[in-house]
Amino acid sequence: LKGDKLDSVMYLLNKNVPIWYEEPEIVDNSPIFYAIKLGRLQAIELFVDRIEASRLMEFVDSIGHNPLVHAAEVRNYEVINYLSIRGISLDV
């Protein structure tokens, strides 16, 4: 996720690696939250394309925030806009 290439993201998705970790001690390092923190919109688009957008509401960080709220916390306006268009709510 650190580089601009999406090959590694596609590889992981094709191997069905989860984009969200449920374990509290590593949840904030989930690929979805890591991509938001780094501002990797293309990776987030790939993640969302692989799941139902409504499922993103189930993905919460260590303090109970969904990806849209998480993006707001790190002031990633591009991701906020994208997730809003995809129907993700600020409700937690």
Protein backbone atom coordinates (compact mmCIF):
# COMPACT_ATOMS: atom_id res chain seq x y z
CA LEU A 1 0.00 0.00 0.00
CA LYS A 2 2.93 2.34 0.46
CA GLY A 3 3.76 2.57 -3.24
CA ASP A 4 1.63 3.77 -6.11
CA LYS A 5 1.43 0.31 -7.66
CA LEU A 6 -1.71 -1.68 -7.01
CA ASP A 7 -0.25 -5.05 -7.99
CA SER A 8 0.26 -6.06 -4.37
CA VAL A 9 -3.29 -5.01 -3.48
CA MET A 10 -4.72 -7.04 -6.36
CA TYR A 11 -2.58 -10.03 -5.37
CA LEU A 12 -3.87 -9.94 -1.78
CA LEU A 13 -7.47 -9.51 -2.90
CA ASN A 14 -7.14 -12.43 -5.30
CA LYS A 15 -5.85 -14.53 -2.38
CA ASN A 16 -8.91 -13.49 -0.34
CA VAL A 17 -6.83 -11.79 2.34
CA PRO A 18 -9.24 -9.89 4.61
CA ILE A 19 -9.30 -6.11 4.30
CA TRP A 20 -10.46 -5.75 7.90
CA TYR A 21 -9.10 -7.51 10.98
CA GLU A 22 -11.52 -8.17 13.83
CA GLU A 23 -8.82 -8.64 16.46
CA PRO A 24 -8.77 -5.53 18.68
CA GLU A 25 -4.99 -5.39 18.96
CA ILE A 26 -4.50 -5.18 15.17
CA VAL A 27 -7.76 -3.72 13.87
CA ASP A 28 -6.22 -0.28 13.20
CA ASN A 29 -3.65 -1.96 10.94
CA SER A 30 -6.36 -3.47 8.76
CA PRO A 31 -5.71 -2.81 5.07
CA ILE A 32 -8.85 -0.65 4.78
CA PHE A 33 -7.83 1.67 7.63
CA TYR A 34 -4.18 1.68 6.58
CA ALA A 35 -5.16 2.71 3.04
CA ILE A 36 -7.33 5.50 4.43
CA LYS A 37 -4.49 6.75 6.61
CA LEU A 38 -2.09 6.75 3.64
CA GLY A 39 -4.66 8.30 1.31
CA ARG A 40 -4.58 5.42 -1.18
CA LEU A 41 -7.93 6.02 -2.86
CA GLN A 42 -7.32 3.52 -5.67
CA ALA A 43 -6.68 0.75 -3.13
CA ILE A 44 -9.85 1.72 -1.24
CA GLU A 45 -11.80 1.62 -4.49
CA LEU A 46 -10.52 -1.91 -5.12
CA PHE A 47 -11.48 -2.95 -1.59
CA VAL A 48 -14.98 -1.51 -1.89
CA ASP A 49 -15.45 -3.08 -5.32
CA ARG A 50 -14.79 -6.51 -3.79
CA ILE A 51 -17.40 -6.20 -1.05
CA GLU A 52 -20.84 -4.71 -0.68
CA ALA A 53 -20.43 -1.07 0.29
CA SER A 54 -22.94 -1.59 3.10
CA ARG A 55 -20.55 -4.11 4.70
CA LEU A 56 -18.09 -1.29 5.32
CA MET A 57 -20.37 -0.15 8.12
CA GLU A 58 -19.45 -3.39 9.94
CA PHE A 59 -15.76 -2.53 9.76
CA VAL A 60 -14.83 -0.47 12.81
CA ASP A 61 -11.51 0.68 14.16
CA SER A 62 -10.32 0.35 17.75
CA ILE A 63 -12.60 3.16 18.93
CA GLY A 64 -15.67 2.00 17.01
CA HIS A 65 -15.49 4.25 13.97
CA ASN A 66 -16.41 3.03 10.50
CA PRO A 67 -14.16 3.84 7.51
CA LEU A 68 -15.94 7.12 6.72
CA VAL A 69 -15.52 8.44 10.25
CA HIS A 70 -11.94 7.16 10.25
CA ALA A 71 -11.29 9.12 7.03
CA ALA A 72 -12.76 12.22 8.66
CA GLU A 73 -10.46 11.78 11.65
CA VAL A 74 -7.38 11.81 9.41
CA ARG A 75 -8.88 14.57 7.24
CA ASN A 76 -8.78 12.53 4.06
CA TYR A 77 -11.40 14.46 2.11
CA GLU A 78 -10.95 12.52 -1.11
CA VAL A 79 -11.80 9.27 0.68
CA ILE A 80 -14.67 10.94 2.56
CA ASN A 81 -16.16 12.03 -0.75
CA TYR A 82 -15.72 8.61 -2.34
CA LEU A 83 -17.21 6.69 0.59
CA SER A 84 -20.13 9.14 0.80
CA ILE A 85 -20.89 8.61 -2.87
CA ARG A 86 -20.80 4.85 -2.26
CA GLY A 87 -23.48 5.26 0.42
CA ILE A 88 -21.38 4.93 3.57
CA SER A 89 -22.90 6.81 6.48
CA LEU A 90 -21.38 8.76 9.35
CA ASP A 91 -23.63 6.82 11.74
CA VAL A 92 -21.71 4.54 14.06
